Amino acid sequence: MATGTERPQLNTGVHDTTRAAITARHLRTDRWWLAPAATAAGLLAFVIYSTWRAFGNAHYYAAPYVSPFYSPCLAENCEPMKGGPNLEIFGSWWGLSPALIILIFPLGFRMTCYYYRKAYYRGFWASPPACAVAEPHKKYSGETRFPLILQNIHRYFFYAAVPVAVILTYDTVLAFRNSDYEWGHMGLGTIIMVVNIVLIWAYTLSCHSCRHVIGGKLKHFSKHPVRYRLWGWVGKLNHRHMQLAWASLISVALADFYVYLLASGVFDDPRLF
C-alpha cells in the first residue's frame, strides 16, 4: 500500500524499465542522420572560413565597401576608411586583427541563439542527434552548468547585436558611393551589402529575446496596442527564425568574401551607375 513516502523512480529516458523492451536504439529507417550531418558541415565550414578571415587582418576594405567581419574597426591599426566605421577606441597597443575585437558580439549572439543551440547540440554533440533517436550521453545536466550555463546570457548579446546591426546599416549606406567616395553610385557590391543587412536585421529582430523584450512581459495587450502590433510582427518573423539564421549566416560570409576579392585585386566592382 502506498504511504506517500516512497521515492519516485528516476526516469532514464528510452532505457527506463517501464518502457517497452526494445533492444534497438531507435526504430527509424529513414536517413535521420543526414540533417544533423549537413548542419554540422555547414556550421563547421563557416567557423573555418570566419577564423581564417578574422585572423587574416588584410583585404577587408575596398572603397567604399568594408567587410562586416571588421566593422566597426575599433583598433588603431585599422585600414583608413574615409567616412567609414573607424573608431580607434583601442590604441596602438593592440597588434592583432581588429576583427577579433568586434566579432565577439555577433558571434556570441549566434552561439547563444535558441535555433543555433538546437543546431549544434544535434550536429556536434548528438544531444539528441534527431527526433526519436536516443542521445549517446549517460548524463544530462542541460544548461545548468558551465559552459552551457552561459547560454542564458543570450538576451544581453541581443542588446549588443542591435548596435552592431545599426553600424552595418551605416556601412550599407556608404556603399552608395564609388571608389572616389562620390555619392549617388551603385555597384554589385552595393546590392550584396543591401541584401546582407536586410537579412541581418530580419534574423536579429526574429530573435526570441527580441520578441520577449517587445511584448513578453505585457499582461494586457489592449493597453499597449503599439507594442502588441510590434510583438505580432516579430512573432511572424520568429516563425522563420531558422531560415533567417542560415540565410544571414551565408549572406554575411558572402559579403565578406566579395570585399576580400575586391581588396585582393581579383576583379573590379561592376558599377551599375
Protein backbone atom coordinates (compact mmCIF):
# COMPACT_ATOMS: atom_id res chain seq x y z
CA MET A 1 0.00 0.00 0.00
CA ALA A 2 1.33 3.43 -0.89
CA THR A 3 2.17 5.59 2.11
CA GLY A 4 3.15 8.72 0.21
CA THR A 5 6.75 8.47 1.40
CA GLU A 6 8.15 6.32 -1.40
CA ARG A 7 10.78 7.87 -3.61
CA PRO A 8 9.68 8.29 -7.21
CA GLN A 9 11.61 6.25 -9.74
CA LEU A 10 14.16 8.21 -11.75
CA ASN A 11 13.25 8.30 -15.42
CA THR A 12 16.12 7.19 -17.60
CA GLY A 13 14.51 8.03 -20.94
CA VAL A 14 14.40 5.28 -23.55
CA HIS A 15 16.20 2.92 -21.15
CA ASP A 16 13.60 3.28 -18.40
CA THR A 17 12.35 -0.05 -17.03
CA THR A 18 8.76 0.99 -17.65
CA ARG A 19 9.37 1.33 -21.38
CA ALA A 20 9.00 -1.46 -23.93
CA ALA A 21 11.96 -3.83 -24.04
CA ILE A 22 13.32 -2.87 -27.44
CA THR A 23 16.97 -3.70 -28.00
CA ALA A 24 17.39 -1.30 -30.93
CA ARG A 25 18.40 2.25 -30.05
CA HIS A 26 15.71 3.53 -32.40
CA LEU A 27 13.27 2.27 -34.99
CA ARG A 28 13.75 4.97 -37.62
CA THR A 29 14.51 3.66 -41.09
CA ASP A 30 14.92 7.00 -42.88
CA ARG A 31 18.18 8.92 -43.28
CA TRP A 32 17.75 10.72 -39.97
CA TRP A 33 21.49 11.38 -39.75
CA LEU A 34 21.53 13.48 -42.91
CA ALA A 35 20.10 16.67 -41.35
CA PRO A 36 22.46 16.84 -38.33
CA ALA A 37 25.42 15.94 -40.55
CA ALA A 38 24.59 18.69 -43.03
CA THR A 39 24.10 21.16 -40.16
CA ALA A 40 27.47 20.26 -38.64
CA ALA A 41 29.18 20.55 -42.04
CA GLY A 42 27.62 23.96 -42.74
CA LEU A 43 28.49 25.40 -39.33
CA LEU A 44 32.00 23.93 -39.43
CA ALA A 45 32.60 25.47 -42.86
CA PHE A 46 31.57 28.89 -41.55
CA VAL A 47 33.76 28.53 -38.45
CA ILE A 48 36.80 27.66 -40.57
CA TYR A 49 36.17 30.48 -43.03
CA SER A 50 35.45 33.15 -40.40
CA THR A 51 38.51 32.12 -38.36
CA TRP A 52 40.73 32.46 -41.42
CA ARG A 53 39.31 35.87 -42.26
CA ALA A 54 39.31 37.17 -38.69
CA PHE A 55 42.99 36.35 -38.15
CA GLY A 56 43.95 37.42 -41.68
CA ASN A 57 43.95 41.14 -40.83
CA ALA A 58 44.06 42.06 -44.51
CA HIS A 59 41.86 42.63 -47.57
CA TYR A 60 38.82 43.79 -45.64
CA TYR A 61 38.33 47.22 -47.21
CA ALA A 62 37.80 48.10 -50.85
CA ALA A 63 36.37 51.60 -51.11
CA PRO A 64 33.55 52.12 -50.47
CA TYR A 65 32.92 48.61 -49.09
CA VAL A 66 34.03 47.30 -45.72
CA SER A 67 33.76 43.67 -44.63
CA PRO A 68 31.06 43.05 -42.00
CA PHE A 69 33.65 41.00 -40.10
CA TYR A 70 35.72 44.14 -39.48
CA SER A 71 33.03 46.71 -38.79
CA PRO A 72 33.22 48.76 -36.69
CA CYS A 73 37.02 48.85 -36.75
CA LEU A 74 37.99 49.68 -33.16
CA ALA A 75 41.80 49.48 -33.28
CA GLU A 76 44.41 51.99 -34.37
CA ASN A 77 45.89 49.53 -36.84
CA CYS A 78 42.73 49.57 -38.99
CA GLU A 79 42.93 50.50 -42.63
CA PRO A 80 41.86 54.14 -43.18
CA MET A 81 38.26 54.24 -44.37
CA LYS A 82 37.01 57.67 -45.41
CA GLY A 83 33.74 58.28 -43.62
CA GLY A 84 33.78 54.65 -42.53
CA PRO A 85 33.47 52.97 -39.13
CA ASN A 86 36.94 53.88 -37.79
CA LEU A 87 36.52 54.49 -34.06
CA GLU A 88 40.06 53.65 -32.84
CA ILE A 89 38.97 53.02 -29.27
CA PHE A 90 41.84 50.56 -28.88
CA GLY A 91 45.22 52.27 -29.19
CA SER A 92 48.46 51.18 -30.81
CA TRP A 93 48.98 48.50 -28.16
CA TRP A 94 46.50 46.25 -29.98
CA GLY A 95 48.60 44.42 -32.54
CA LEU A 96 46.21 41.65 -33.52
CA SER A 97 43.47 41.71 -36.11
CA PRO A 98 40.79 44.32 -35.25
CA ALA A 99 38.13 41.78 -36.24
CA LEU A 100 38.86 39.87 -33.03
CA ILE A 101 37.53 42.81 -31.01
CA ILE A 102 34.13 43.18 -32.60
CA LEU A 103 33.32 39.62 -33.72
CA ILE A 104 32.75 38.51 -30.14
CA PHE A 105 29.37 40.27 -30.13
CA PRO A 106 27.71 38.83 -33.27
CA LEU A 107 29.43 35.50 -32.58
CA GLY A 108 28.12 35.43 -29.01
CA PHE A 109 24.66 36.37 -30.26
CA ARG A 110 24.59 33.48 -32.70
CA MET A 111 26.21 30.93 -30.39
CA THR A 112 23.58 31.55 -27.70
CA CYS A 113 20.70 31.79 -30.20
CA TYR A 114 17.88 29.34 -29.49
CA TYR A 115 17.94 27.92 -33.00
CA TYR A 116 21.73 27.58 -33.16
CA ARG A 117 21.70 25.78 -29.84
CA LYS A 118 19.45 23.14 -31.38
CA ALA A 119 21.62 23.07 -34.49
CA TYR A 120 24.97 22.40 -32.84
CA TYR A 121 23.53 20.34 -29.99
CA ARG A 122 22.28 17.91 -32.62
CA GLY A 123 25.03 18.35 -35.18
CA PHE A 124 28.10 18.24 -32.94
CA TRP A 125 27.08 16.82 -29.57
CA ALA A 126 24.30 14.43 -30.65
CA SER A 127 22.12 15.68 -27.82
CA PRO A 128 19.93 14.23 -29.25
CA PRO A 129 21.03 13.71 -32.85
CA ALA A 130 17.42 13.61 -34.16
CA CYS A 131 13.82 13.12 -33.05
CA ALA A 132 13.13 9.62 -31.69
CA VAL A 133 16.87 8.86 -31.63
CA ALA A 134 18.37 8.49 -28.17
CA GLU A 135 21.45 10.52 -27.38
CA PRO A 136 24.61 8.58 -26.53
CA HIS A 137 25.30 10.51 -23.32
CA LYS A 138 24.61 8.82 -20.00
CA LYS A 139 24.23 12.07 -18.07
CA TYR A 140 22.47 15.28 -18.97
CA SER A 141 22.60 18.47 -16.92
CA GLY A 142 21.10 20.77 -19.51
CA GLU A 143 22.21 24.38 -19.37
CA THR A 144 22.68 24.42 -15.60
CA ARG A 145 26.45 24.00 -15.53
CA PHE A 146 29.49 25.60 -17.13
CA PRO A 147 29.95 26.13 -20.01
CA LEU A 148 26.37 25.70 -21.24
CA ILE A 149 25.01 27.91 -18.48
CA LEU A 150 26.47 30.81 -20.46
CA GLN A 151 23.68 30.25 -22.99
CA ASN A 152 21.41 32.11 -20.60
CA ILE A 153 23.04 35.46 -21.41
CA HIS A 154 21.57 35.41 -24.92
CA ARG A 155 19.41 38.45 -24.19
CA TYR A 156 22.44 40.57 -23.36
CA PHE A 157 24.13 39.55 -26.60
CA PHE A 158 20.93 40.66 -28.33
CA TYR A 159 21.40 44.12 -26.84
CA ALA A 160 24.94 44.15 -28.24
CA ALA A 161 23.90 42.78 -31.64
CA VAL A 162 21.46 45.63 -32.29
CA PRO A 163 24.08 48.46 -32.34
CA VAL A 164 26.33 46.25 -34.50
CA ALA A 165 23.46 45.91 -36.98
CA VAL A 166 22.99 49.69 -36.87
CA ILE A 167 26.66 50.21 -37.78
CA LEU A 168 26.42 47.68 -40.60
CA THR A 169 23.41 49.63 -41.86
CA TYR A 170 25.59 52.74 -41.90
CA ASP A 171 28.19 50.81 -43.90
CA THR A 172 25.47 49.85 -46.37
CA VAL A 173 24.51 53.49 -46.83
CA LEU A 174 28.16 54.32 -47.51
CA ALA A 175 28.13 51.63 -50.21
CA PHE A 176 26.10 54.03 -52.40
CA ARG A 177 29.37 55.79 -53.27
CA ASN A 178 32.05 54.99 -55.79
CA SER A 179 35.75 54.35 -55.18
CA ASP A 180 36.32 58.13 -55.11
CA TYR A 181 33.71 58.48 -52.34
CA GLU A 182 31.25 60.31 -54.59
CA TRP A 183 27.59 59.79 -53.73
CA GLY A 184 24.83 58.55 -56.00
CA HIS A 185 26.54 55.44 -57.31
CA MET A 186 25.71 51.77 -57.06
CA GLY A 187 27.66 48.63 -57.83
CA LEU A 188 27.24 44.90 -57.45
CA GLY A 189 28.77 45.23 -54.00
CA THR A 190 26.01 47.67 -53.03
CA ILE A 191 23.37 45.06 -53.82
CA ILE A 192 25.24 42.43 -51.83
CA MET A 193 25.52 44.79 -48.86
CA VAL A 194 21.82 45.69 -49.01
CA VAL A 195 20.72 42.04 -49.15
CA ASN A 196 23.08 41.21 -46.29
CA ILE A 197 21.85 43.95 -43.97
CA VAL A 198 18.19 43.12 -44.67
CA LEU A 199 18.83 39.50 -43.71
CA ILE A 200 20.85 40.51 -40.64
CA TRP A 201 18.03 42.76 -39.40
CA ALA A 202 15.42 40.08 -40.15
CA TYR A 203 17.43 37.50 -38.21
CA THR A 204 18.11 39.87 -35.31
CA LEU A 205 14.51 41.01 -34.98
CA SER A 206 13.15 37.46 -35.29
CA CYS A 207 15.14 36.51 -32.20
CA HIS A 208 13.15 35.05 -29.30
CA SER A 209 14.72 37.59 -26.95
CA CYS A 210 13.56 40.45 -29.15
CA ARG A 211 10.02 39.06 -29.08
CA HIS A 212 10.15 38.82 -25.30
CA VAL A 213 11.58 42.32 -24.87
CA ILE A 214 8.83 43.83 -27.02
CA GLY A 215 5.83 42.10 -25.51
CA GLY A 216 6.81 39.18 -23.34
CA LYS A 217 6.09 40.91 -20.03
CA LEU A 218 2.83 42.59 -21.01
CA LYS A 219 -0.23 41.44 -19.09
CA HIS A 220 -2.79 43.47 -21.02
CA PHE A 221 -2.15 43.82 -24.72
CA SER A 222 -5.17 46.11 -25.04
CA LYS A 223 -3.36 48.75 -23.01
CA HIS A 224 -0.29 48.63 -25.27
CA PRO A 225 -1.59 48.49 -28.87
CA VAL A 226 1.68 49.65 -30.46
CA ARG A 227 3.80 47.10 -28.64
CA TYR A 228 1.20 44.44 -29.33
CA ARG A 229 1.38 45.12 -33.07
CA LEU A 230 5.19 45.08 -32.98
CA TRP A 231 5.06 41.85 -31.00
CA GLY A 232 2.84 40.32 -33.67
CA TRP A 233 5.21 41.36 -36.45
CA VAL A 234 8.20 39.93 -34.60
CA GLY A 235 6.20 36.77 -33.97
CA LYS A 236 5.67 36.31 -37.71
CA LEU A 237 9.40 36.73 -38.29
CA ASN A 238 10.09 34.32 -35.46
CA HIS A 239 8.34 31.54 -37.39
CA ARG A 240 11.16 31.87 -39.97
CA HIS A 241 13.96 32.19 -37.44
CA MET A 242 15.75 29.05 -38.62
CA GLN A 243 15.66 30.05 -42.28
CA LEU A 244 16.76 33.60 -41.44
CA ALA A 245 19.59 32.27 -39.26
CA TRP A 246 21.04 30.32 -42.18
CA ALA A 247 20.33 32.97 -44.80
CA SER A 248 22.04 35.72 -42.77
CA LEU A 249 24.97 33.43 -41.95
CA ILE A 250 25.53 32.77 -45.64
CA SER A 251 24.99 36.39 -46.65
CA VAL A 252 27.49 37.80 -44.14
CA ALA A 253 30.12 35.31 -45.34
CA LEU A 254 29.41 36.16 -48.98
CA ALA A 255 29.60 39.91 -48.26
CA ASP A 256 32.97 39.45 -46.57
CA PHE A 257 34.25 37.22 -49.38
CA TYR A 258 33.17 39.73 -52.02
CA VAL A 259 35.08 42.51 -50.26
CA TYR A 260 38.07 40.17 -50.00
CA LEU A 261 38.01 39.54 -53.75
CA LEU A 262 37.87 43.27 -54.48
CA ALA A 263 40.55 44.21 -51.95
CA SER A 264 42.91 41.48 -53.13
CA GLY A 265 42.58 42.67 -56.74
CA VAL A 266 40.85 39.60 -58.20
CA PHE A 267 38.42 41.84 -60.13
CA ASP A 268 36.89 45.31 -60.05
CA ASP A 269 33.44 46.02 -58.69
CA PRO A 270 30.94 46.10 -61.60
CA ARG A 271 29.27 49.51 -61.50
CA LEU A 272 25.56 49.78 -62.35
CA PHE A 273 25.54 53.59 -62.36
